[in-house]
């Protein structure tokens, strides 16, 4: 997957891609990124099954953290004419979380 993704990035960086190929290349790039995420999630799930999953907890303002994720999805939602809002009930909510794990969970829920 990494080799395919690297080749796609190289093609995109060349900047001389025809309009006919630009869209299929973007689709392939998104698909390889998604496949890599799924593979990594399967590996993490396997670690969890084997009781080898390690959490890296750190104090984080979850509202700020979730808002950053919201921003990355907002443009996609707008392009699909979807109403997508972030309305927290509190302005700040500090807690200990594993940012990487929480990011994956929220990303999976929103995608």
N, C-alpha and C. Protein backbone atom coordinates (compact mmCIF):
# COMPACT_ATOMS: atom_id res chain seq x y z
N UNK A 1 0.82 -1.19 0.00
CA UNK A 1 0.00 0.00 0.00
C UNK A 1 0.87 1.26 0.00
N UNK A 2 1.91 1.24 0.81
CA UNK A 2 2.77 2.41 0.89
C UNK A 2 3.45 2.68 -0.45
N UNK A 3 3.84 1.62 -1.14
CA UNK A 3 4.47 1.79 -2.46
C UNK A 3 3.49 2.37 -3.47
N UNK A 4 2.26 1.91 -3.43
CA UNK A 4 1.23 2.43 -4.34
C UNK A 4 0.97 3.90 -4.03
N UNK A 5 0.85 4.20 -2.75
CA UNK A 5 0.58 5.58 -2.36
C UNK A 5 1.74 6.49 -2.76
N UNK A 6 2.97 6.01 -2.59
CA UNK A 6 4.13 6.80 -2.99
C UNK A 6 4.14 7.08 -4.48
N UNK A 7 3.79 6.08 -5.27
CA UNK A 7 3.74 6.27 -6.72
C UNK A 7 2.66 7.28 -7.11
N UNK A 8 1.52 7.20 -6.46
CA UNK A 8 0.44 8.15 -6.74
C UNK A 8 0.84 9.58 -6.37
N UNK A 9 1.52 9.74 -5.25
CA UNK A 9 1.97 11.07 -4.83
C UNK A 9 2.97 11.62 -5.83
N UNK A 10 3.82 10.75 -6.36
CA UNK A 10 4.81 11.18 -7.34
C UNK A 10 4.12 11.64 -8.63
N UNK A 11 3.11 10.91 -9.06
CA UNK A 11 2.35 11.30 -10.26
C UNK A 11 1.67 12.65 -10.04
N UNK A 12 1.06 12.83 -8.87
CA UNK A 12 0.38 14.10 -8.58
C UNK A 12 1.37 15.25 -8.51
N UNK A 13 2.57 15.00 -7.98
CA UNK A 13 3.58 16.04 -7.85
C UNK A 13 4.12 16.49 -9.21
N UNK A 14 4.04 15.61 -10.19
CA UNK A 14 4.53 15.96 -11.53
C UNK A 14 3.72 17.11 -12.12
N UNK A 15 2.46 17.19 -11.74
CA UNK A 15 1.63 18.31 -12.17
C UNK A 15 1.19 18.28 -13.62
N UNK A 16 1.58 17.27 -14.36
CA UNK A 16 1.22 17.20 -15.78
C UNK A 16 0.18 16.12 -16.03
N UNK A 17 -0.70 15.93 -15.11
CA UNK A 17 -1.72 14.90 -15.24
C UNK A 17 -2.91 15.48 -16.00
N UNK A 18 -3.39 14.74 -16.97
CA UNK A 18 -4.54 15.21 -17.75
C UNK A 18 -5.78 15.29 -16.86
N UNK A 19 -6.73 16.08 -17.30
CA UNK A 19 -7.97 16.21 -16.54
C UNK A 19 -8.70 14.88 -16.44
N UNK A 20 -8.57 14.06 -17.47
CA UNK A 20 -9.23 12.75 -17.48
C UNK A 20 -8.67 11.83 -16.40
N UNK A 21 -7.37 11.97 -16.10
CA UNK A 21 -6.73 11.09 -15.12
C UNK A 21 -6.70 11.67 -13.71
N UNK A 22 -6.89 12.97 -13.58
CA UNK A 22 -6.78 13.60 -12.26
C UNK A 22 -7.76 13.01 -11.25
N UNK A 23 -9.01 12.87 -11.65
CA UNK A 23 -10.02 12.34 -10.72
C UNK A 23 -9.74 10.88 -10.34
N UNK A 24 -9.49 9.98 -11.31
CA UNK A 24 -9.19 8.59 -10.92
C UNK A 24 -7.96 8.48 -10.02
N UNK A 25 -6.97 9.33 -10.23
CA UNK A 25 -5.78 9.29 -9.38
C UNK A 25 -6.14 9.71 -7.96
N UNK A 26 -6.98 10.74 -7.82
CA UNK A 26 -7.41 11.16 -6.48
C UNK A 26 -8.21 10.05 -5.79
N UNK A 27 -9.06 9.37 -6.55
CA UNK A 27 -9.84 8.27 -5.99
C UNK A 27 -8.90 7.16 -5.52
N UNK A 28 -7.90 6.82 -6.33
CA UNK A 28 -6.94 5.79 -5.93
C UNK A 28 -6.17 6.20 -4.69
N UNK A 29 -5.78 7.48 -4.62
CA UNK A 29 -5.04 7.97 -3.46
C UNK A 29 -5.89 7.87 -2.20
N UNK A 30 -7.13 8.32 -2.27
CA UNK A 30 -8.02 8.22 -1.11
C UNK A 30 -8.26 6.77 -0.71
N UNK A 31 -8.39 5.91 -1.71
CA UNK A 31 -8.64 4.49 -1.43
C UNK A 31 -7.44 3.84 -0.75
N UNK A 32 -6.23 4.17 -1.20
CA UNK A 32 -5.05 3.58 -0.56
C UNK A 32 -4.89 4.12 0.86
N UNK A 33 -5.20 5.40 1.07
CA UNK A 33 -5.14 5.94 2.43
C UNK A 33 -6.14 5.23 3.33
N UNK A 34 -7.32 5.00 2.81
CA UNK A 34 -8.35 4.30 3.59
C UNK A 34 -7.92 2.87 3.89
N UNK A 35 -7.37 2.18 2.90
CA UNK A 35 -6.90 0.81 3.11
C UNK A 35 -5.80 0.76 4.17
N UNK A 36 -4.88 1.72 4.13
CA UNK A 36 -3.83 1.77 5.15
C UNK A 36 -4.43 1.97 6.54
N UNK A 37 -5.42 2.85 6.65
CA UNK A 37 -6.07 3.06 7.95
C UNK A 37 -6.75 1.79 8.42
N UNK A 38 -7.44 1.10 7.51
CA UNK A 38 -8.12 -0.14 7.88
C UNK A 38 -7.14 -1.22 8.32
N UNK A 39 -6.03 -1.34 7.61
CA UNK A 39 -5.00 -2.31 7.99
C UNK A 39 -4.46 -1.99 9.37
N UNK A 40 -4.16 -0.72 9.61
CA UNK A 40 -3.66 -0.32 10.93
C UNK A 40 -4.68 -0.58 12.02
N UNK A 41 -5.95 -0.37 11.72
CA UNK A 41 -7.00 -0.64 12.70
C UNK A 41 -7.11 -2.13 12.99
N UNK A 42 -6.97 -2.95 11.96
CA UNK A 42 -6.99 -4.41 12.18
C UNK A 42 -5.81 -4.84 13.05
N UNK A 43 -4.65 -4.26 12.82
CA UNK A 43 -3.49 -4.59 13.64
C UNK A 43 -3.71 -4.17 15.09
N UNK A 44 -4.31 -3.00 15.28
CA UNK A 44 -4.60 -2.55 16.65
C UNK A 44 -5.64 -3.43 17.31
N UNK A 45 -6.65 -3.84 16.55
CA UNK A 45 -7.67 -4.73 17.08
C UNK A 45 -7.04 -6.04 17.53
N UNK A 46 -6.11 -6.53 16.75
CA UNK A 46 -5.40 -7.78 17.10
C UNK A 46 -4.61 -7.59 18.39
N UNK A 47 -3.96 -6.45 18.54
CA UNK A 47 -3.24 -6.17 19.78
C UNK A 47 -4.20 -6.16 20.97
N UNK A 48 -5.37 -5.58 20.75
CA UNK A 48 -6.36 -5.52 21.82
C UNK A 48 -6.81 -6.92 22.21
N UNK A 49 -7.01 -7.78 21.22
CA UNK A 49 -7.42 -9.16 21.49
C UNK A 49 -6.34 -9.91 22.28
N UNK A 50 -5.10 -9.58 22.02
CA UNK A 50 -3.98 -10.24 22.71
C UNK A 50 -3.56 -9.52 23.98
N UNK A 51 -4.37 -8.57 24.42
CA UNK A 51 -4.08 -7.78 25.63
C UNK A 51 -2.72 -7.09 25.55
N UNK A 52 -2.34 -6.64 24.37
CA UNK A 52 -1.07 -5.95 24.19
C UNK A 52 -1.25 -4.50 23.76
N UNK A 53 -2.47 -4.02 23.83
CA UNK A 53 -2.75 -2.65 23.45
C UNK A 53 -2.34 -1.72 24.59
N UNK A 54 -1.54 -0.73 24.27
CA UNK A 54 -1.05 0.21 25.27
C UNK A 54 -1.67 1.58 25.01
N UNK A 55 -2.21 2.17 26.05
CA UNK A 55 -2.77 3.52 25.94
C UNK A 55 -1.73 4.54 26.36
N UNK A 56 -1.65 5.62 25.60
CA UNK A 56 -0.75 6.73 25.94
C UNK A 56 -1.63 7.90 26.36
N UNK A 57 -1.96 7.93 27.63
CA UNK A 57 -2.88 8.95 28.14
C UNK A 57 -2.16 10.26 28.39
N UNK A 58 -2.82 11.34 28.00
CA UNK A 58 -2.31 12.68 28.30
C UNK A 58 -3.50 13.60 28.49
N UNK A 59 -3.32 14.59 29.35
CA UNK A 59 -4.42 15.52 29.61
C UNK A 59 -4.65 16.38 28.37
N UNK A 60 -5.89 16.43 27.95
CA UNK A 60 -6.26 17.13 26.71
C UNK A 60 -7.61 17.80 26.90
N UNK A 61 -7.75 18.97 26.33
CA UNK A 61 -9.07 19.59 26.28
C UNK A 61 -9.82 18.92 25.13
N UNK A 62 -10.75 18.06 25.46
CA UNK A 62 -11.44 17.25 24.46
C UNK A 62 -12.25 18.11 23.49
N UNK A 63 -12.76 19.24 23.95
CA UNK A 63 -13.53 20.12 23.08
C UNK A 63 -12.64 20.65 21.96
N UNK A 64 -11.46 21.13 22.31
CA UNK A 64 -10.52 21.64 21.31
C UNK A 64 -10.09 20.51 20.37
N UNK A 65 -9.80 19.36 20.93
CA UNK A 65 -9.37 18.20 20.15
C UNK A 65 -10.45 17.80 19.14
N UNK A 66 -11.69 17.70 19.59
CA UNK A 66 -12.78 17.30 18.70
C UNK A 66 -13.09 18.38 17.66
N UNK A 67 -12.91 19.65 18.04
CA UNK A 67 -13.14 20.73 17.09
C UNK A 67 -12.15 20.65 15.93
N UNK A 68 -10.91 20.32 16.22
CA UNK A 68 -9.91 20.15 15.15
C UNK A 68 -10.32 19.06 14.18
N UNK A 69 -10.84 17.97 14.70
CA UNK A 69 -11.31 16.88 13.84
C UNK A 69 -12.52 17.36 13.02
N UNK A 70 -13.42 18.08 13.68
CA UNK A 70 -14.59 18.64 12.99
C UNK A 70 -14.16 19.48 11.79
N UNK A 71 -13.15 20.33 11.98
CA UNK A 71 -12.69 21.20 10.89
C UNK A 71 -12.23 20.40 9.68
N UNK A 72 -11.60 19.25 9.92
CA UNK A 72 -11.11 18.47 8.80
C UNK A 72 -12.24 17.81 8.02
N UNK A 73 -13.40 17.63 8.63
CA UNK A 73 -14.54 17.02 7.94
C UNK A 73 -15.51 18.07 7.38
N UNK A 74 -15.42 19.29 7.85
CA UNK A 74 -16.38 20.33 7.47
C UNK A 74 -16.40 20.58 5.96
N UNK A 75 -15.23 20.70 5.36
CA UNK A 75 -15.16 20.99 3.92
C UNK A 75 -15.82 19.89 3.10
N UNK A 76 -15.58 18.65 3.47
CA UNK A 76 -16.19 17.53 2.76
C UNK A 76 -17.71 17.58 2.90
N UNK A 77 -18.18 17.86 4.10
CA UNK A 77 -19.62 17.94 4.32
C UNK A 77 -20.24 19.07 3.50
N UNK A 78 -19.57 20.21 3.48
CA UNK A 78 -20.09 21.35 2.71
C UNK A 78 -20.11 21.04 1.22
N UNK A 79 -19.09 20.35 0.73
CA UNK A 79 -19.06 20.02 -0.70
C UNK A 79 -20.18 19.07 -1.09
N UNK A 80 -20.67 18.31 -0.11
CA UNK A 80 -21.80 17.40 -0.35
C UNK A 80 -23.12 18.02 0.07
N UNK A 81 -23.06 19.33 0.36
CA UNK A 81 -24.24 20.10 0.78
C UNK A 81 -24.91 19.50 2.01
N UNK A 82 -24.09 19.04 2.95
CA UNK A 82 -24.57 18.50 4.21
C UNK A 82 -24.40 19.55 5.30
N UNK A 83 -25.36 19.63 6.18
CA UNK A 83 -25.23 20.52 7.32
C UNK A 83 -24.40 19.80 8.38
N UNK A 84 -23.31 20.41 8.78
CA UNK A 84 -22.38 19.77 9.71
C UNK A 84 -21.95 20.82 10.72
N UNK A 85 -22.40 20.67 11.96
CA UNK A 85 -22.13 21.68 12.99
C UNK A 85 -21.44 21.06 14.19
N UNK A 86 -20.68 21.89 14.87
CA UNK A 86 -20.03 21.49 16.11
C UNK A 86 -20.61 22.38 17.21
N UNK A 87 -21.42 21.79 18.09
CA UNK A 87 -22.09 22.56 19.14
C UNK A 87 -21.86 21.87 20.48
N UNK A 88 -20.72 22.17 21.12
CA UNK A 88 -20.46 21.55 22.43
C UNK A 88 -21.34 22.17 23.51
N UNK A 89 -21.68 21.38 24.51
CA UNK A 89 -22.51 21.89 25.60
C UNK A 89 -21.68 22.66 26.63
N UNK A 90 -20.36 22.48 26.59
CA UNK A 90 -19.45 23.23 27.46
C UNK A 90 -18.32 23.76 26.59
N UNK A 91 -17.64 24.82 27.06
CA UNK A 91 -16.58 25.41 26.24
C UNK A 91 -15.24 24.70 26.41
N UNK A 92 -15.09 23.97 27.50
CA UNK A 92 -13.84 23.27 27.76
C UNK A 92 -14.13 22.01 28.57
N UNK A 93 -13.40 20.93 28.26
CA UNK A 93 -13.59 19.69 29.00
C UNK A 93 -12.27 18.92 29.03
N UNK A 94 -11.40 19.29 30.00
CA UNK A 94 -10.11 18.59 30.08
C UNK A 94 -10.27 17.19 30.66
N UNK A 95 -9.59 16.25 30.05
CA UNK A 95 -9.58 14.87 30.55
C UNK A 95 -8.37 14.13 29.99
N UNK A 96 -8.08 12.98 30.56
CA UNK A 96 -6.96 12.17 30.09
C UNK A 96 -7.45 11.22 29.00
N UNK A 97 -6.84 11.32 27.82
CA UNK A 97 -7.21 10.47 26.69
C UNK A 97 -5.95 10.05 25.93
N UNK A 98 -6.10 9.00 25.16
CA UNK A 98 -5.08 8.62 24.19
C UNK A 98 -5.50 9.31 22.89
N UNK A 99 -4.79 10.37 22.51
CA UNK A 99 -5.20 11.17 21.36
C UNK A 99 -5.28 10.35 20.08
N UNK A 100 -4.32 9.47 19.87
CA UNK A 100 -4.32 8.66 18.66
C UNK A 100 -5.53 7.76 18.57
N UNK A 101 -5.86 7.12 19.68
CA UNK A 101 -7.01 6.20 19.70
C UNK A 101 -8.32 6.98 19.54
N UNK A 102 -8.44 8.09 20.27
CA UNK A 102 -9.66 8.90 20.18
C UNK A 102 -9.84 9.46 18.77
N UNK A 103 -8.75 9.87 18.15
CA UNK A 103 -8.80 10.38 16.78
C UNK A 103 -9.35 9.30 15.84
N UNK A 104 -8.87 8.08 15.98
CA UNK A 104 -9.34 6.98 15.12
C UNK A 104 -10.82 6.69 15.35
N UNK A 105 -11.23 6.70 16.60
CA UNK A 105 -12.64 6.42 16.92
C UNK A 105 -13.55 7.47 16.30
N UNK A 106 -13.23 8.73 16.52
CA UNK A 106 -14.08 9.81 16.01
C UNK A 106 -14.04 9.82 14.48
N UNK A 107 -12.85 9.63 13.90
CA UNK A 107 -12.74 9.59 12.44
C UNK A 107 -13.63 8.49 11.86
N UNK A 108 -13.61 7.31 12.48
CA UNK A 108 -14.44 6.20 11.99
C UNK A 108 -15.92 6.51 12.12
N UNK A 109 -16.30 7.19 13.19
CA UNK A 109 -17.71 7.53 13.38
C UNK A 109 -18.18 8.55 12.33
N UNK A 110 -17.31 9.47 11.97
CA UNK A 110 -17.71 10.53 11.04
C UNK A 110 -17.55 10.16 9.57
N UNK A 111 -16.72 9.18 9.28
CA UNK A 111 -16.48 8.87 7.86
C UNK A 111 -17.39 7.79 7.32
